[in-house]
Amino acid sequence: MSKLGNLGARLHRGEVGYDFVKNRKIWYGLSILITITAIVGLAVRGLNMGIEFQGGAVFTTPKNTSVSVSQAEEHAEEASGHDAIVQKLGDGSLRIQVAGIDTGQADQIKDKLSDDLKIDGEQINADLVGPSWGDQIANKAWQGLGIFLVLVVIYLAIAFEWRMAVAAFIALIHDITITVGIYALVGFEVTPGTVIGLLTILGYSLYDTVVVFDSLKEQTKDIAKQTRWTYSDIANRSINSTLVRSVNTTVVALLPVAGLLFIGGGVLGAGMLNDISLSLFVGLAAGAYSSIFIATPLVADLKEREPQMKALKKRVLAKRAQATAKGESLDAPVTDEPLLDEPEDDDAAPAVVGPRNQPASRNRGRGRPSGKRR
């Protein structure tokens, strides 16, 4: 653990690091590939919507029912003419779910199940969900998601700037698409718990993104007054300085969710946990990825298009070329060109070269936006 702590401190000071921004095209391509796969899965297989969204009935048998899951599923499909989902609960009872049926059909199916399973019909509990109620739930879920995204964009545009708001919005859409696509590919049932999990992971993803954006905003104050680093250099430094924190937060959040998904849903057979645990697990992982590899590199791309940032980059590269011509050996920044260790004059001394809340003079000569050395 001490080695990890030392690594985090060195990342924060800029002594080591990985060039996320320079290799952004690799991450963009990987994200596009995953997103296309998710969209194809969604288009081909579709979502397995639960009865809460399409209506249907849930039949629960008495405790310690001797009928097996496969037998109950066969009898339920024969009685209803629809696909049935059967789960064995912890008390030994069976939960038989049949979607797309109305109240009249439910009574007939219950009577047929009573005969086939050799169970008293009075002991079979039937819960009905109308399709209109399911449509209402689905509409409310979409409305909640839309309101959430709008509020997020407005907040980030006010607290930071519109470029960061756009990058965060794209990252959130990226996370939603991947999570929904995974649901389509694995065929897990979509329930209100899935929607709750989806909204929860968006909060986690946004948290990681805002942490990096806050560091980036602080370190780019008066960036045009110096000629040491470009905007992309400082963006890369911001990612590295918060990298260990983001990884630790994600791992700690994933551990209990993995327990729900793989132990609770897989080993113990508590299938009802799968609907929320899968969305949390996939969403948390996708959110951590997008915060590091997508959101901040997108901000750097958008900012580097500004005339002011273009002029800054030209000055920085010219100064590095001058240093190369003089044969000066200095730590290299994110790009391959050498970097002058000192500013041209006192007025041009950068206010952003040190770590957060640390004067630049304390970090001069050793800090740099990445861990790359020439």
Protein backbone atom coordinates (compact mmCIF):
# COMPACT_ATOMS: atom_id res chain seq x y z
CA MET A 1 0.00 0.00 0.00
CA SER A 2 2.91 2.35 0.69
CA LYS A 3 4.12 1.88 -2.89
CA LEU A 4 0.67 2.84 -4.17
CA GLY A 5 0.69 5.90 -1.93
CA ASN A 6 4.13 6.91 -3.20
CA LEU A 7 2.95 6.43 -6.77
CA GLY A 8 -0.05 8.66 -6.12
CA ALA A 9 2.17 11.37 -4.66
CA ARG A 10 4.56 11.19 -7.62
CA LEU A 11 1.65 11.34 -10.06
CA HIS A 12 0.30 14.39 -8.24
CA ARG A 13 3.67 16.17 -8.41
CA GLY A 14 4.09 15.33 -12.08
CA GLU A 15 7.22 13.23 -11.58
CA VAL A 16 5.67 10.24 -13.35
CA GLY A 17 2.61 9.85 -15.52
CA TYR A 18 1.00 8.43 -18.61
CA ASP A 19 0.21 10.43 -21.72
CA PHE A 20 -3.58 10.07 -21.88
CA VAL A 21 -4.20 13.13 -24.04
CA LYS A 22 -1.57 12.35 -26.67
CA ASN A 23 -2.98 8.83 -27.14
CA ARG A 24 -6.58 10.01 -27.13
CA LYS A 25 -7.29 8.67 -30.64
CA ILE A 26 -6.68 5.14 -29.36
CA TRP A 27 -9.24 5.62 -26.57
CA TYR A 28 -11.72 7.28 -28.91
CA GLY A 29 -11.42 4.35 -31.31
CA LEU A 30 -11.85 1.81 -28.50
CA SER A 31 -14.92 3.63 -27.19
CA ILE A 32 -16.43 3.84 -30.67
CA LEU A 33 -15.88 0.09 -31.16
CA ILE A 34 -17.51 -0.78 -27.82
CA THR A 35 -20.38 1.63 -28.47
CA ILE A 36 -21.05 0.18 -31.93
CA THR A 37 -21.08 -3.33 -30.45
CA ALA A 38 -23.56 -2.20 -27.81
CA ILE A 39 -25.82 -0.53 -30.39
CA VAL A 40 -25.76 -3.61 -32.64
CA GLY A 41 -26.64 -5.81 -29.68
CA LEU A 42 -29.48 -3.48 -28.79
CA ALA A 43 -30.79 -3.43 -32.36
CA VAL A 44 -30.52 -7.19 -32.92
CA ARG A 45 -31.49 -8.66 -29.56
CA GLY A 46 -33.43 -5.80 -28.00
CA LEU A 47 -34.06 -5.37 -24.29
CA ASN A 48 -35.72 -8.00 -22.14
CA MET A 49 -38.25 -5.71 -20.51
CA GLY A 50 -39.73 -6.84 -17.20
CA ILE A 51 -43.43 -7.03 -16.50
CA GLU A 52 -43.24 -3.65 -14.79
CA PHE A 53 -42.80 -2.15 -18.26
CA GLN A 54 -44.88 -4.41 -20.50
CA GLY A 55 -47.47 -5.78 -18.10
CA GLY A 56 -48.06 -9.37 -17.00
CA ALA A 57 -48.39 -11.50 -13.89
CA VAL A 58 -46.15 -12.97 -11.20
CA PHE A 59 -47.22 -16.25 -9.57
CA THR A 60 -45.61 -17.29 -6.28
CA THR A 61 -45.94 -20.86 -5.06
CA PRO A 62 -45.96 -21.96 -1.39
CA LYS A 63 -42.75 -22.53 0.54
CA ASN A 64 -40.65 -25.63 -0.08
CA THR A 65 -42.31 -26.48 -3.36
CA SER A 66 -40.97 -29.80 -4.65
CA VAL A 67 -41.31 -28.88 -8.33
CA SER A 68 -38.02 -28.02 -10.06
CA VAL A 69 -37.40 -24.74 -11.85
CA SER A 70 -37.26 -26.40 -15.29
CA GLN A 71 -40.53 -28.24 -14.70
CA ALA A 72 -42.29 -25.09 -13.50
CA GLU A 73 -40.99 -23.15 -16.51
CA GLU A 74 -42.26 -25.81 -18.89
CA HIS A 75 -45.71 -25.92 -17.27
CA ALA A 76 -45.96 -22.10 -17.15
CA GLU A 77 -45.11 -21.70 -20.84
CA GLU A 78 -47.59 -24.44 -21.76
CA ALA A 79 -50.33 -22.83 -19.68
CA SER A 80 -49.77 -19.27 -20.88
CA GLY A 81 -48.42 -19.63 -24.41
CA HIS A 82 -45.74 -17.05 -23.48
CA ASP A 83 -42.14 -17.27 -22.35
CA ALA A 84 -41.89 -17.65 -18.58
CA ILE A 85 -39.11 -16.74 -16.15
CA VAL A 86 -38.94 -18.98 -13.07
CA GLN A 87 -36.74 -18.29 -10.04
CA LYS A 88 -36.34 -20.37 -6.89
CA LEU A 89 -36.49 -18.14 -3.81
CA GLY A 90 -34.62 -18.60 -0.56
CA ASP A 91 -37.58 -20.15 1.28
CA GLY A 92 -38.01 -22.81 -1.41
CA SER A 93 -40.95 -21.16 -3.15
CA LEU A 94 -41.01 -20.48 -6.89
CA ARG A 95 -41.50 -17.09 -8.55
CA ILE A 96 -43.09 -17.59 -11.97
CA GLN A 97 -43.17 -14.49 -14.15
CA VAL A 98 -45.21 -14.31 -17.35
CA ALA A 99 -45.28 -11.10 -19.39
CA GLY A 100 -47.86 -9.85 -21.87
CA ILE A 101 -51.04 -11.28 -20.33
CA ASP A 102 -54.20 -9.61 -18.96
CA THR A 103 -56.32 -10.26 -15.86
CA GLY A 104 -58.59 -12.87 -17.51
CA GLN A 105 -55.64 -14.86 -18.80
CA ALA A 106 -53.96 -14.70 -15.39
CA ASP A 107 -56.87 -16.49 -13.72
CA GLN A 108 -56.81 -19.27 -16.33
CA ILE A 109 -53.04 -19.66 -16.05
CA LYS A 110 -53.27 -19.84 -12.26
CA ASP A 111 -55.84 -22.64 -12.46
CA LYS A 112 -53.76 -24.53 -15.00
CA LEU A 113 -50.61 -24.17 -12.89
CA SER A 114 -52.50 -25.42 -9.87
CA ASP A 115 -53.39 -28.62 -11.72
CA ASP A 116 -50.01 -29.16 -13.37
CA LEU A 117 -47.91 -28.42 -10.26
CA LYS A 118 -50.27 -30.30 -7.91
CA ILE A 119 -50.67 -27.24 -5.69
CA ASP A 120 -53.84 -25.85 -4.17
CA GLY A 121 -54.88 -22.82 -6.21
CA GLU A 122 -55.57 -20.83 -3.03
CA GLN A 123 -51.89 -21.17 -2.09
CA ILE A 124 -50.64 -19.63 -5.32
CA ASN A 125 -50.31 -15.87 -5.03
CA ALA A 126 -50.85 -13.87 -8.23
CA ASP A 127 -49.70 -10.26 -8.67
CA LEU A 128 -50.88 -8.47 -11.81
CA VAL A 129 -49.30 -5.49 -13.55
CA GLY A 130 -51.23 -3.69 -16.28
CA PRO A 131 -49.39 -2.58 -19.45
CA SER A 132 -50.60 1.01 -19.03
CA TRP A 133 -48.86 1.19 -15.65
CA GLY A 134 -45.70 -0.17 -17.26
CA ASP A 135 -45.82 2.49 -19.98
CA GLN A 136 -46.22 5.15 -17.32
CA ILE A 137 -43.18 3.87 -15.44
CA ALA A 138 -41.11 3.80 -18.63
CA ASN A 139 -42.11 7.36 -19.54
CA LYS A 140 -41.26 8.62 -16.06
CA ALA A 141 -37.88 6.91 -16.26
CA TRP A 142 -37.06 8.61 -19.57
CA GLN A 143 -38.25 11.96 -18.23
CA GLY A 144 -36.09 11.59 -15.14
CA LEU A 145 -33.06 10.73 -17.25
CA GLY A 146 -33.64 13.67 -19.58
CA ILE A 147 -34.06 16.15 -16.70
CA PHE A 148 -30.90 14.80 -15.07
CA LEU A 149 -28.82 15.29 -18.22
CA VAL A 150 -30.14 18.82 -18.81
CA LEU A 151 -29.40 19.88 -15.24
CA VAL A 152 -25.91 18.38 -15.44
CA VAL A 153 -25.08 20.30 -18.62
CA ILE A 154 -26.40 23.58 -17.17
CA TYR A 155 -24.48 23.14 -13.92
CA LEU A 156 -21.17 22.30 -15.61
CA ALA A 157 -21.55 25.17 -18.08
CA ILE A 158 -21.99 27.58 -15.16
CA ALA A 159 -19.44 26.07 -12.77
CA PHE A 160 -16.77 25.46 -15.42
CA GLU A 161 -17.42 26.25 -19.11
CA TRP A 162 -19.49 24.98 -22.00
CA ARG A 163 -16.69 22.82 -23.41
CA MET A 164 -16.49 20.85 -20.19
CA ALA A 165 -20.27 20.55 -20.15
CA VAL A 166 -20.25 19.13 -23.69
CA ALA A 167 -17.45 16.67 -22.85
CA ALA A 168 -19.22 15.48 -19.69
CA PHE A 169 -22.50 15.07 -21.60
CA ILE A 170 -20.79 12.93 -24.27
CA ALA A 171 -19.15 10.82 -21.56
CA LEU A 172 -22.51 10.24 -19.85
CA ILE A 173 -24.17 9.22 -23.12
CA HIS A 174 -21.20 6.90 -23.69
CA ASP A 175 -21.81 5.24 -20.28
CA ILE A 176 -25.57 4.89 -20.82
CA THR A 177 -25.15 3.36 -24.28
CA ILE A 178 -22.61 0.78 -23.13
CA THR A 179 -24.66 -0.22 -20.08
CA VAL A 180 -27.90 -0.60 -22.05
CA GLY A 181 -26.07 -2.49 -24.80
CA ILE A 182 -24.61 -4.95 -22.28
CA TYR A 183 -28.13 -5.60 -20.98
CA ALA A 184 -29.27 -6.40 -24.50
CA LEU A 185 -26.31 -8.70 -25.16
CA VAL A 186 -26.59 -10.75 -21.95
CA GLY A 187 -30.40 -10.77 -21.95
CA PHE A 188 -30.86 -9.66 -18.33
CA GLU A 189 -34.31 -8.41 -17.45
CA VAL A 190 -34.83 -4.66 -17.32
CA THR A 191 -36.77 -3.63 -14.21
CA PRO A 192 -37.25 -0.41 -12.21
CA GLY A 193 -34.17 -1.55 -10.27
CA THR A 194 -32.22 -1.32 -13.51
CA VAL A 195 -33.33 2.28 -13.98
CA ILE A 196 -32.34 3.12 -10.41
CA GLY A 197 -28.93 1.55 -10.97
CA LEU A 198 -28.50 3.46 -14.23
CA LEU A 199 -29.21 6.83 -12.62
CA THR A 200 -26.87 5.93 -9.74
CA ILE A 201 -23.90 5.16 -11.96
CA LEU A 202 -24.35 8.44 -13.81
CA GLY A 203 -23.76 10.20 -10.51
CA TYR A 204 -20.56 8.23 -9.93
CA SER A 205 -19.32 8.93 -13.45
CA LEU A 206 -20.04 12.62 -13.10
CA TYR A 207 -18.22 12.74 -9.75
CA ASP A 208 -14.97 11.43 -11.24
CA THR A 209 -15.28 13.79 -14.20
CA VAL A 210 -15.86 16.86 -12.02
CA VAL A 211 -12.82 16.01 -9.86
CA VAL A 212 -10.57 16.10 -12.94
CA PHE A 213 -12.29 19.21 -14.32
CA ASP A 214 -11.79 21.03 -11.01
CA SER A 215 -8.07 20.27 -11.08
CA LEU A 216 -7.87 21.33 -14.71
CA LYS A 217 -9.71 24.60 -14.09
CA GLU A 218 -7.38 25.51 -11.22
CA GLN A 219 -4.18 24.67 -13.08
CA THR A 220 -5.13 26.56 -16.26
CA LYS A 221 -5.66 29.93 -14.59
CA ASP A 222 -3.66 32.54 -16.52
CA ILE A 223 -2.36 29.82 -18.81
CA ALA A 224 -1.77 32.31 -21.63
CA LYS A 225 0.78 34.22 -19.50
CA GLN A 226 3.35 31.41 -19.68
CA THR A 227 5.16 29.62 -22.48
CA ARG A 228 6.06 26.39 -20.71
CA TRP A 229 3.02 24.16 -21.24
CA THR A 230 0.16 23.86 -23.69
CA TYR A 231 -3.44 23.26 -22.59
CA SER A 232 -3.13 19.58 -23.49
CA ASP A 233 -0.02 19.28 -21.30
CA ILE A 234 -1.87 20.59 -18.28
CA ALA A 235 -4.96 18.50 -19.06
CA ASN A 236 -2.78 15.41 -19.05
CA ARG A 237 -1.24 16.47 -15.74
CA SER A 238 -4.72 16.92 -14.24
CA ILE A 239 -5.68 13.36 -15.18
CA ASN A 240 -2.49 11.92 -13.72
CA SER A 241 -2.75 13.92 -10.50
CA THR A 242 -6.23 12.52 -9.77
CA LEU A 243 -5.67 9.07 -11.31
CA VAL A 244 -5.04 7.10 -8.12
CA ARG A 245 -7.99 8.77 -6.40
CA SER A 246 -10.32 7.83 -9.28
CA VAL A 247 -9.07 4.25 -9.39
CA ASN A 248 -9.39 3.80 -5.62
CA THR A 249 -12.92 5.23 -5.61
CA THR A 250 -14.00 2.96 -8.45
CA VAL A 251 -12.47 -0.21 -6.97
CA VAL A 252 -14.05 0.41 -3.57
CA ALA A 253 -17.44 0.96 -5.23
CA LEU A 254 -17.11 -2.10 -7.50
CA LEU A 255 -16.28 -4.60 -4.75
CA PRO A 256 -19.72 -4.72 -3.07
CA VAL A 257 -21.46 -4.53 -6.44
CA ALA A 258 -19.38 -7.47 -7.68
CA GLY A 259 -20.47 -9.36 -4.57
CA LEU A 260 -24.12 -8.76 -5.45
CA LEU A 261 -23.66 -9.72 -9.09
CA PHE A 262 -21.34 -12.73 -8.97
CA ILE A 263 -21.99 -14.15 -5.51
CA GLY A 264 -25.57 -13.10 -4.82
CA GLY A 265 -26.90 -13.50 -8.35
CA GLY A 266 -24.56 -16.23 -9.58
CA VAL A 267 -23.50 -18.47 -6.70
CA LEU A 268 -26.49 -18.05 -4.37
CA GLY A 269 -29.02 -17.86 -7.19
CA ALA A 270 -30.67 -14.62 -6.06
CA GLY A 271 -31.53 -13.66 -9.63
CA MET A 272 -33.55 -10.62 -8.61
CA LEU A 273 -30.27 -8.93 -7.66
CA ASN A 274 -29.02 -9.11 -11.25
CA ASP A 275 -31.20 -6.30 -12.58
CA ILE A 276 -29.63 -3.60 -10.42
CA SER A 277 -26.18 -5.11 -9.82
CA LEU A 278 -25.34 -5.51 -13.53
CA SER A 279 -26.21 -1.89 -14.30
CA LEU A 280 -24.11 -0.72 -11.36
CA PHE A 281 -21.13 -2.92 -12.22
CA VAL A 282 -20.99 -2.08 -15.93
CA GLY A 283 -21.87 1.58 -15.35
CA LEU A 284 -19.24 2.15 -12.65
CA ALA A 285 -16.52 0.61 -14.81
CA ALA A 286 -17.62 2.55 -17.91
CA GLY A 287 -17.92 5.76 -15.90
CA ALA A 288 -14.38 5.49 -14.54
CA TYR A 289 -13.09 4.80 -18.06
CA SER A 290 -14.94 7.72 -19.65
CA SER A 291 -13.85 10.17 -16.95
CA ILE A 292 -10.18 9.40 -17.58
CA PHE A 293 -9.98 8.50 -21.26
CA ILE A 294 -12.88 10.42 -22.85
CA ALA A 295 -14.07 13.52 -20.99
CA THR A 296 -10.79 15.36 -20.32
CA PRO A 297 -9.16 14.55 -23.69
CA LEU A 298 -12.34 15.88 -25.35
CA VAL A 299 -12.01 19.12 -23.38
CA ALA A 300 -8.38 19.42 -24.49
CA ASP A 301 -9.43 18.87 -28.13
CA LEU A 302 -12.09 21.59 -27.92
CA LYS A 303 -9.83 24.07 -26.12
CA GLU A 304 -6.92 23.59 -28.54
CA ARG A 305 -9.23 24.85 -31.31
CA GLU A 306 -9.41 28.31 -29.70
CA PRO A 307 -7.22 30.97 -31.36
CA GLN A 308 -5.69 31.87 -27.99
CA MET A 309 -4.72 28.25 -27.28
CA LYS A 310 -3.41 27.81 -30.82
CA ALA A 311 -1.17 30.85 -30.36
CA LEU A 312 -0.01 29.53 -26.98
CA LYS A 313 0.86 26.15 -28.47
CA LYS A 314 2.84 27.85 -31.24
CA ARG A 315 4.84 29.85 -28.68
CA VAL A 316 5.46 26.78 -26.53
CA LEU A 317 6.66 24.69 -29.46
CA ALA A 318 8.88 27.53 -30.68
CA LYS A 319 10.49 27.82 -27.26
CA ARG A 320 11.06 24.07 -27.09
CA ALA A 321 12.64 24.14 -30.55
CA GLN A 322 14.93 26.91 -29.34
CA ALA A 323 15.94 24.80 -26.36
CA THR A 324 16.68 21.87 -28.65
CA ALA A 325 18.89 24.05 -30.84
CA LYS A 326 20.87 25.11 -27.77
CA GLY A 327 21.33 21.48 -26.80
CA GLU A 328 19.70 21.92 -23.42
CA SER A 329 18.80 18.68 -21.64
CA LEU A 330 15.55 19.08 -19.75
CA ASP A 331 12.59 16.97 -18.73
CA ALA A 332 10.20 16.56 -21.65
CA PRO A 333 6.53 17.55 -21.48
CA VAL A 334 3.66 15.63 -23.03
CA THR A 335 4.88 16.27 -26.57
CA ASP A 336 8.19 15.04 -27.89
CA GLU A 337 9.83 18.48 -28.00
CA PRO A 338 12.12 19.52 -25.10
CA LEU A 339 10.86 22.08 -22.65
CA LEU A 340 12.78 25.10 -21.33
CA ASP A 341 13.19 24.90 -17.58
CA GLU A 342 12.91 28.64 -16.99
CA PRO A 343 10.51 31.22 -18.46
CA GLU A 344 11.83 33.93 -20.72
CA ASP A 345 11.20 36.64 -18.12
CA ASP A 346 9.70 37.10 -14.70
CA ASP A 347 6.41 38.36 -16.09
CA ALA A 348 5.96 35.13 -18.04
CA ALA A 349 6.51 32.86 -15.04
CA PRO A 350 3.76 30.26 -15.15
CA ALA A 351 1.25 30.17 -12.35
CA VAL A 352 0.21 26.63 -13.16
CA VAL A 353 3.38 24.55 -13.15
CA GLY A 354 3.10 23.30 -9.60
CA PRO A 355 0.56 20.88 -8.13
CA ARG A 356 -2.71 22.11 -6.75
CA ASN A 357 -2.44 24.58 -3.87
CA GLN A 358 1.38 24.62 -4.23
CA PRO A 359 3.48 27.59 -5.49
CA ALA A 360 5.06 27.08 -8.85
CA SER A 361 8.55 27.92 -7.58
CA ARG A 362 8.58 24.85 -5.33
CA ASN A 363 8.05 22.59 -8.33
CA ARG A 364 10.24 24.33 -10.90
CA GLY A 365 12.76 22.14 -12.62
CA ARG A 366 11.21 18.85 -11.58
CA GLY A 367 7.47 18.91 -12.26
CA ARG A 368 6.20 18.17 -15.71
CA PRO A 369 2.89 17.19 -17.24
CA SER A 370 3.82 13.59 -17.91
CA GLY A 371 6.21 10.90 -16.85
CA LYS A 372 7.97 10.72 -20.21
CA ARG A 373 11.72 11.43 -20.27
CA ARG A 374 13.96 11.91 -23.20
